[in-house]
Amino acid sequence: PYTGYLTLAFLAAVLIMILADSPWTLLATAIAIILMVAGWYACRDRIHQIAATRNGHTGTAPVIANRPLRGR
C-alpha cells in the first residue's frame, strides 16, 4: 500500500513542477482535466451497462481459459 502512496506523491510532484513552468501549461492542464472528467461522466452510464451485462456471464472479472498446447 505504501508504494501506491509514494507513486501518487511522485506524480503530484511532477504535476506541480510542470504547472510551475508557465501559465499556458496551467491552462492546458486545466482544460485537459475538465475534458477528461466530462468524458467520464458522458460515458460512465454506458460503461456500467456493459459491466452489468457481462456480470452474469463471467462474474466480476473476465475469465479466459488457457487452451492446451498442441503436441504436448
PDB file of N, CA and C in Angstrom:
ATOM      1  N   PRO A   1       0.819  -1.213   0.000  1.00  0.00           N
ATOM      2  CA  PRO A   1       0.000   0.000   0.000  1.00  0.00           C
ATOM      3  C   PRO A   1       0.856   1.268   0.000  1.00  0.00           C
ATOM      4  N   TYR A   2       2.041   1.186   0.554  1.00  0.00           N
ATOM      5  CA  TYR A   2       2.864   2.389   0.632  1.00  0.00           C
ATOM      6  C   TYR A   2       3.430   2.787  -0.724  1.00  0.00           C
ATOM      7  N   THR A   3       3.681   1.811  -1.572  1.00  0.00           N
ATOM      8  CA  THR A   3       4.209   2.147  -2.893  1.00  0.00           C
ATOM      9  C   THR A   3       3.180   2.900  -3.722  1.00  0.00           C
ATOM     10  N   GLY A   4       1.896   2.609  -3.528  1.00  0.00           N
ATOM     11  CA  GLY A   4       0.843   3.354  -4.225  1.00  0.00           C
ATOM     12  C   GLY A   4       0.838   4.814  -3.799  1.00  0.00           C
ATOM     13  N   TYR A   5       0.970   5.048  -2.488  1.00  0.00           N
ATOM     14  CA  TYR A   5       1.012   6.420  -1.993  1.00  0.00           C
ATOM     15  C   TYR A   5       2.260   7.145  -2.467  1.00  0.00           C
ATOM     16  N   LEU A   6       3.372   6.435  -2.495  1.00  0.00           N
ATOM     17  CA  LEU A   6       4.616   7.027  -2.972  1.00  0.00           C
ATOM     18  C   LEU A   6       4.514   7.399  -4.449  1.00  0.00           C
ATOM     19  N   THR A   7       3.879   6.547  -5.237  1.00  0.00           N
ATOM     20  CA  THR A   7       3.684   6.832  -6.653  1.00  0.00           C
ATOM     21  C   THR A   7       2.797   8.048  -6.850  1.00  0.00           C
ATOM     22  N   LEU A   8       1.707   8.130  -6.100  1.00  0.00           N
ATOM     23  CA  LEU A   8       0.826   9.297  -6.202  1.00  0.00           C
ATOM     24  C   LEU A   8       1.538  10.581  -5.788  1.00  0.00           C
ATOM     25  N   ALA A   9       2.363  10.509  -4.750  1.00  0.00           N
ATOM     26  CA  ALA A   9       3.128  11.683  -4.328  1.00  0.00           C
ATOM     27  C   ALA A   9       4.116  12.112  -5.407  1.00  0.00           C
ATOM     28  N   PHE A  10       4.762  11.137  -6.037  1.00  0.00           N
ATOM     29  CA  PHE A  10       5.689  11.454  -7.123  1.00  0.00           C
ATOM     30  C   PHE A  10       4.965  12.117  -8.287  1.00  0.00           C
ATOM     31  N   LEU A  11       3.824  11.559  -8.678  1.00  0.00           N
ATOM     32  CA  LEU A  11       3.070  12.141  -9.788  1.00  0.00           C
ATOM     33  C   LEU A  11       2.568  13.538  -9.450  1.00  0.00           C
ATOM     34  N   ALA A  12       2.164  13.755  -8.208  1.00  0.00           N
ATOM     35  CA  ALA A  12       1.742  15.094  -7.787  1.00  0.00           C
ATOM     36  C   ALA A  12       2.907  16.077  -7.852  1.00  0.00           C
ATOM     37  N   ALA A  13       4.089  15.627  -7.445  1.00  0.00           N
ATOM     38  CA  ALA A  13       5.271  16.496  -7.513  1.00  0.00           C
ATOM     39  C   ALA A  13       5.611  16.849  -8.958  1.00  0.00           C
ATOM     40  N   VAL A  14       5.524  15.869  -9.852  1.00  0.00           N
ATOM     41  CA  VAL A  14       5.790  16.131 -11.272  1.00  0.00           C
ATOM     42  C   VAL A  14       4.760  17.117 -11.820  1.00  0.00           C
ATOM     43  N   LEU A  15       3.500  16.933 -11.468  1.00  0.00           N
ATOM     44  CA  LEU A  15       2.453  17.841 -11.934  1.00  0.00           C
ATOM     45  C   LEU A  15       2.686  19.252 -11.427  1.00  0.00           C
ATOM     46  N   ILE A  16       3.097  19.403 -10.186  1.00  0.00           N
ATOM     47  CA  ILE A  16       3.375  20.729  -9.632  1.00  0.00           C
ATOM     48  C   ILE A  16       4.543  21.382 -10.364  1.00  0.00           C
ATOM     49  N   MET A  17       5.583  20.599 -10.666  1.00  0.00           N
ATOM     50  CA  MET A  17       6.729  21.162 -11.394  1.00  0.00           C
ATOM     51  C   MET A  17       6.343  21.562 -12.819  1.00  0.00           C
ATOM     52  N   ILE A  18       5.469  20.788 -13.448  1.00  0.00           N
ATOM     53  CA  ILE A  18       5.023  21.127 -14.799  1.00  0.00           C
ATOM     54  C   ILE A  18       4.186  22.403 -14.768  1.00  0.00           C
ATOM     55  N   LEU A  19       3.286  22.489 -13.798  1.00  0.00           N
ATOM     56  CA  LEU A  19       2.405  23.656 -13.721  1.00  0.00           C
ATOM     57  C   LEU A  19       3.165  24.931 -13.381  1.00  0.00           C
ATOM     58  N   ALA A  20       4.291  24.820 -12.705  1.00  0.00           N
ATOM     59  CA  ALA A  20       5.083  25.996 -12.370  1.00  0.00           C
ATOM     60  C   ALA A  20       5.845  26.530 -13.578  1.00  0.00           C
ATOM     61  N   ASP A  21       5.823  25.807 -14.677  1.00  0.00           N
ATOM     62  CA  ASP A  21       6.581  26.178 -15.870  1.00  0.00           C
ATOM     63  C   ASP A  21       6.049  27.447 -16.514  1.00  0.00           C
ATOM     64  N   SER A  22       4.743  27.501 -16.820  1.00  0.00           N
ATOM     65  CA  SER A  22       4.184  28.695 -17.448  1.00  0.00           C
ATOM     66  C   SER A  22       2.675  28.709 -17.275  1.00  0.00           C
ATOM     67  N   PRO A  23       2.060  29.882 -17.455  1.00  0.00           N
ATOM     68  CA  PRO A  23       0.602  29.951 -17.333  1.00  0.00           C
ATOM     69  C   PRO A  23      -0.112  29.179 -18.450  1.00  0.00           C
ATOM     70  N   TRP A  24       0.516  29.054 -19.630  1.00  0.00           N
ATOM     71  CA  TRP A  24      -0.106  28.298 -20.714  1.00  0.00           C
ATOM     72  C   TRP A  24      -0.191  26.818 -20.375  1.00  0.00           C
ATOM     73  N   THR A  25       0.818  26.318 -19.695  1.00  0.00           N
ATOM     74  CA  THR A  25       0.794  24.931 -19.267  1.00  0.00           C
ATOM     75  C   THR A  25      -0.316  24.708 -18.253  1.00  0.00           C
ATOM     76  N   LEU A  26      -0.482  25.646 -17.345  1.00  0.00           N
ATOM     77  CA  LEU A  26      -1.561  25.561 -16.365  1.00  0.00           C
ATOM     78  C   LEU A  26      -2.915  25.548 -17.059  1.00  0.00           C
ATOM     79  N   LEU A  27      -3.099  26.411 -18.045  1.00  0.00           N
ATOM     80  CA  LEU A  27      -4.358  26.473 -18.778  1.00  0.00           C
ATOM     81  C   LEU A  27      -4.615  25.180 -19.544  1.00  0.00           C
ATOM     82  N   ALA A  28      -3.607  24.681 -20.234  1.00  0.00           N
ATOM     83  CA  ALA A  28      -3.773  23.439 -21.000  1.00  0.00           C
ATOM     84  C   ALA A  28      -4.077  22.260 -20.086  1.00  0.00           C
ATOM     85  N   THR A  29      -3.429  22.195 -18.931  1.00  0.00           N
ATOM     86  CA  THR A  29      -3.687  21.115 -17.987  1.00  0.00           C
ATOM     87  C   THR A  29      -5.097  21.211 -17.421  1.00  0.00           C
ATOM     88  N   ALA A  30      -5.529  22.416 -17.086  1.00  0.00           N
ATOM     89  CA  ALA A  30      -6.883  22.603 -16.558  1.00  0.00           C
ATOM     90  C   ALA A  30      -7.934  22.188 -17.595  1.00  0.00           C
ATOM     91  N   ILE A  31      -7.724  22.556 -18.846  1.00  0.00           N
ATOM     92  CA  ILE A  31      -8.659  22.177 -19.908  1.00  0.00           C
ATOM     93  C   ILE A  31      -8.675  20.658 -20.093  1.00  0.00           C
ATOM     94  N   ALA A  32      -7.497  20.033 -20.063  1.00  0.00           N
ATOM     95  CA  ALA A  32      -7.420  18.578 -20.219  1.00  0.00           C
ATOM     96  C   ALA A  32      -8.134  17.864 -19.073  1.00  0.00           C
ATOM     97  N   ILE A  33      -7.971  18.340 -17.867  1.00  0.00           N
ATOM     98  CA  ILE A  33      -8.636  17.724 -16.718  1.00  0.00           C
ATOM     99  C   ILE A  33     -10.146  17.870 -16.831  1.00  0.00           C
ATOM    100  N   ILE A  34     -10.612  19.048 -17.218  1.00  0.00           N
ATOM    101  CA  ILE A  34     -12.052  19.269 -17.386  1.00  0.00           C
ATOM    102  C   ILE A  34     -12.615  18.354 -18.470  1.00  0.00           C
ATOM    103  N   LEU A  35     -11.905  18.217 -19.581  1.00  0.00           N
ATOM    104  CA  LEU A  35     -12.370  17.346 -20.662  1.00  0.00           C
ATOM    105  C   LEU A  35     -12.390  15.872 -20.241  1.00  0.00           C
ATOM    106  N   MET A  36     -11.389  15.429 -19.476  1.00  0.00           N
ATOM    107  CA  MET A  36     -11.370  14.038 -19.030  1.00  0.00           C
ATOM    108  C   MET A  36     -12.515  13.749 -18.056  1.00  0.00           C
ATOM    109  N   VAL A  37     -12.783  14.670 -17.148  1.00  0.00           N
ATOM    110  CA  VAL A  37     -13.889  14.475 -16.208  1.00  0.00           C
ATOM    111  C   VAL A  37     -15.218  14.492 -16.950  1.00  0.00           C
ATOM    112  N   ALA A  38     -15.392  15.424 -17.872  1.00  0.00           N
ATOM    113  CA  ALA A  38     -16.632  15.484 -18.656  1.00  0.00           C
ATOM    114  C   ALA A  38     -16.800  14.219 -19.498  1.00  0.00           C
ATOM    115  N   GLY A  39     -15.726  13.719 -20.076  1.00  0.00           N
ATOM    116  CA  GLY A  39     -15.792  12.489 -20.856  1.00  0.00           C
ATOM    117  C   GLY A  39     -16.172  11.296 -20.008  1.00  0.00           C
ATOM    118  N   TRP A  40     -15.662  11.250 -18.779  1.00  0.00           N
ATOM    119  CA  TRP A  40     -16.031  10.148 -17.901  1.00  0.00           C
ATOM    120  C   TRP A  40     -17.525  10.200 -17.576  1.00  0.00           C
ATOM    121  N   TYR A  41     -18.017  11.380 -17.227  1.00  0.00           N
ATOM    122  CA  TYR A  41     -19.439  11.492 -16.911  1.00  0.00           C
ATOM    123  C   TYR A  41     -20.315  11.212 -18.132  1.00  0.00           C
ATOM    124  N   ALA A  42     -19.821  11.501 -19.314  1.00  0.00           N
ATOM    125  CA  ALA A  42     -20.585  11.224 -20.531  1.00  0.00           C
ATOM    126  C   ALA A  42     -20.638   9.723 -20.837  1.00  0.00           C
ATOM    127  N   CYS A  43     -19.608   8.966 -20.452  1.00  0.00           N
ATOM    128  CA  CYS A  43     -19.512   7.548 -20.814  1.00  0.00           C
ATOM    129  C   CYS A  43     -19.822   6.587 -19.679  1.00  0.00           C
ATOM    130  N   ARG A  44     -19.901   7.043 -18.456  1.00  0.00           N
ATOM    131  CA  ARG A  44     -19.964   6.113 -17.340  1.00  0.00           C
ATOM    132  C   ARG A  44     -21.227   5.274 -17.304  1.00  0.00           C
ATOM    133  N   ASP A  45     -22.368   5.825 -17.726  1.00  0.00           N
ATOM    134  CA  ASP A  45     -23.582   5.020 -17.739  1.00  0.00           C
ATOM    135  C   ASP A  45     -23.450   3.846 -18.704  1.00  0.00           C
ATOM    136  N   ARG A  46     -22.884   4.092 -19.864  1.00  0.00           N
ATOM    137  CA  ARG A  46     -22.680   3.021 -20.848  1.00  0.00           C
ATOM    138  C   ARG A  46     -21.679   1.982 -20.327  1.00  0.00           C
ATOM    139  N   ILE A  47     -20.635   2.429 -19.652  1.00  0.00           N
ATOM    140  CA  ILE A  47     -19.644   1.523 -19.094  1.00  0.00           C
ATOM    141  C   ILE A  47     -20.275   0.639 -18.021  1.00  0.00           C
ATOM    142  N   HIS A  48     -21.099   1.236 -17.157  1.00  0.00           N
ATOM    143  CA  HIS A  48     -21.785   0.447 -16.131  1.00  0.00           C
ATOM    144  C   HIS A  48     -22.775  -0.533 -16.753  1.00  0.00           C
ATOM    145  N   GLN A  49     -23.425  -0.140 -17.838  1.00  0.00           N
ATOM    146  CA  GLN A  49     -24.364  -1.022 -18.532  1.00  0.00           C
ATOM    147  C   GLN A  49     -23.624  -2.231 -19.129  1.00  0.00           C
ATOM    148  N   ILE A  50     -22.485  -2.001 -19.753  1.00  0.00           N
ATOM    149  CA  ILE A  50     -21.695  -3.094 -20.317  1.00  0.00           C
ATOM    150  C   ILE A  50     -21.208  -4.030 -19.206  1.00  0.00           C
ATOM    151  N   ALA A  51     -20.760  -3.457 -18.087  1.00  0.00           N
ATOM    152  CA  ALA A  51     -20.280  -4.279 -16.975  1.00  0.00           C
ATOM    153  C   ALA A  51     -21.411  -5.099 -16.372  1.00  0.00           C
ATOM    154  N   ALA A  52     -22.608  -4.527 -16.276  1.00  0.00           N
ATOM    155  CA  ALA A  52     -23.744  -5.267 -15.725  1.00  0.00           C
ATOM    156  C   ALA A  52     -24.153  -6.405 -16.647  1.00  0.00           C
ATOM    157  N   THR A  53     -24.073  -6.193 -17.953  1.00  0.00           N
ATOM    158  CA  THR A  53     -24.408  -7.246 -18.917  1.00  0.00           C
ATOM    159  C   THR A  53     -23.417  -8.397 -18.815  1.00  0.00           C
ATOM    160  N   ARG A  54     -22.155  -8.106 -18.683  1.00  0.00           N
ATOM    161  CA  ARG A  54     -21.110  -9.116 -18.605  1.00  0.00           C
ATOM    162  C   ARG A  54     -21.124  -9.834 -17.254  1.00  0.00           C
ATOM    163  N   ASN A  55     -21.609  -9.187 -16.215  1.00  0.00           N
ATOM    164  CA  ASN A  55     -21.535  -9.728 -14.864  1.00  0.00           C
ATOM    165  C   ASN A  55     -22.201 -11.098 -14.754  1.00  0.00           C
ATOM    166  N   GLY A  56     -23.295 -11.330 -15.435  1.00  0.00           N
ATOM    167  CA  GLY A  56     -23.961 -12.615 -15.356  1.00  0.00           C
ATOM    168  C   GLY A  56     -23.226 -13.728 -16.077  1.00  0.00           C
ATOM    169  N   HIS A  57     -22.348 -13.393 -17.012  1.00  0.00           N
ATOM    170  CA  HIS A  57     -21.664 -14.411 -17.819  1.00  0.00           C
ATOM    171  C   HIS A  57     -20.312 -14.806 -17.250  1.00  0.00           C
ATOM    172  N   THR A  58     -19.539 -13.832 -16.810  1.00  0.00           N
ATOM    173  CA  THR A  58     -18.172 -14.147 -16.379  1.00  0.00           C
ATOM    174  C   THR A  58     -17.887 -13.731 -14.946  1.00  0.00           C
ATOM    175  N   GLY A  59     -18.844 -13.220 -14.236  1.00  0.00           N
ATOM    176  CA  GLY A  59     -18.597 -12.740 -12.884  1.00  0.00           C
ATOM    177  C   GLY A  59     -18.110 -11.304 -12.921  1.00  0.00           C
ATOM    178  N   THR A  60     -17.400 -10.901 -11.900  1.00  0.00           N
ATOM    179  CA  THR A  60     -16.951  -9.517 -11.823  1.00  0.00           C
ATOM    180  C   THR A  60     -15.712  -9.243 -12.663  1.00  0.00           C
ATOM    181  N   ALA A  61     -15.021 -10.306 -13.092  1.00  0.00           N
ATOM    182  CA  ALA A  61     -13.829 -10.135 -13.923  1.00  0.00           C
ATOM    183  C   ALA A  61     -13.906 -11.109 -15.096  1.00  0.00           C
ATOM    184  N   PRO A  62     -13.457 -10.700 -16.268  1.00  0.00           N
ATOM    185  CA  PRO A  62     -13.484 -11.621 -17.402  1.00  0.00           C
ATOM    186  C   PRO A  62     -12.534 -12.791 -17.181  1.00  0.00           C
ATOM    187  N   VAL A  63     -12.977 -13.942 -17.583  1.00  0.00           N
ATOM    188  CA  VAL A  63     -12.171 -15.155 -17.409  1.00  0.00           C
ATOM    189  C   VAL A  63     -11.945 -15.778 -18.783  1.00  0.00           C
ATOM    190  N   ILE A  64     -10.702 -16.025 -19.111  1.00  0.00           N
ATOM    191  CA  ILE A  64     -10.359 -16.675 -20.373  1.00  0.00           C
ATOM    192  C   ILE A  64      -9.592 -17.947 -20.026  1.00  0.00           C
ATOM    193  N   ALA A  65     -10.117 -19.075 -20.465  1.00  0.00           N
ATOM    194  CA  ALA A  65      -9.476 -20.354 -20.158  1.00  0.00           C
ATOM    195  C   ALA A  65      -8.204 -20.511 -20.977  1.00  0.00           C
ATOM    196  N   ASN A  66      -7.198 -21.097 -20.370  1.00  0.00           N
ATOM    197  CA  ASN A  66      -5.958 -21.413 -21.087  1.00  0.00           C
ATOM    198  C   ASN A  66      -6.209 -22.628 -21.962  1.00  0.00           C
ATOM    199  N   ARG A  67      -5.849 -22.512 -23.217  1.00  0.00           N
ATOM    200  CA  ARG A  67      -6.009 -23.641 -24.132  1.00  0.00           C
ATOM    201  C   ARG A  67      -4.761 -24.505 -24.079  1.00  0.00           C
ATOM    202  N   PRO A  68      -4.937 -25.821 -24.143  1.00  0.00           N
ATOM    203  CA  PRO A  68      -3.753 -26.694 -24.105  1.00  0.00           C
ATOM    204  C   PRO A  68      -2.918 -26.530 -25.376  1.00  0.00           C
ATOM    205  N   LEU A  69      -1.623 -26.672 -25.219  1.00  0.00           N
ATOM    206  CA  LEU A  69      -0.718 -26.583 -26.356  1.00  0.00           C
ATOM    207  C   LEU A  69      -0.790 -27.864 -27.167  1.00  0.00           C
ATOM    208  N   ARG A  70      -0.738 -27.734 -28.467  1.00  0.00           N
ATOM    209  CA  ARG A  70      -0.767 -28.922 -29.328  1.00  0.00           C
ATOM    210  C   ARG A  70       0.595 -29.615 -29.301  1.00  0.00           C
ATOM    211  N   GLY A  71       0.556 -30.930 -29.282  1.00  0.00           N
ATOM    212  CA  GLY A  71       1.799 -31.689 -29.324  1.00  0.00           C
ATOM    213  C   GLY A  71       2.432 -31.892 -27.967  1.00  0.00           C
ATOM    214  N   ARG A  72       1.820 -31.488 -26.926  1.00  0.00           N
ATOM    215  CA  ARG A  72       2.397 -31.691 -25.584  1.00  0.00           C
ATOM    216  C   ARG A  72       1.459 -32.455 -24.716  1.00  0.00           C
TER     217      ARG A  72
END
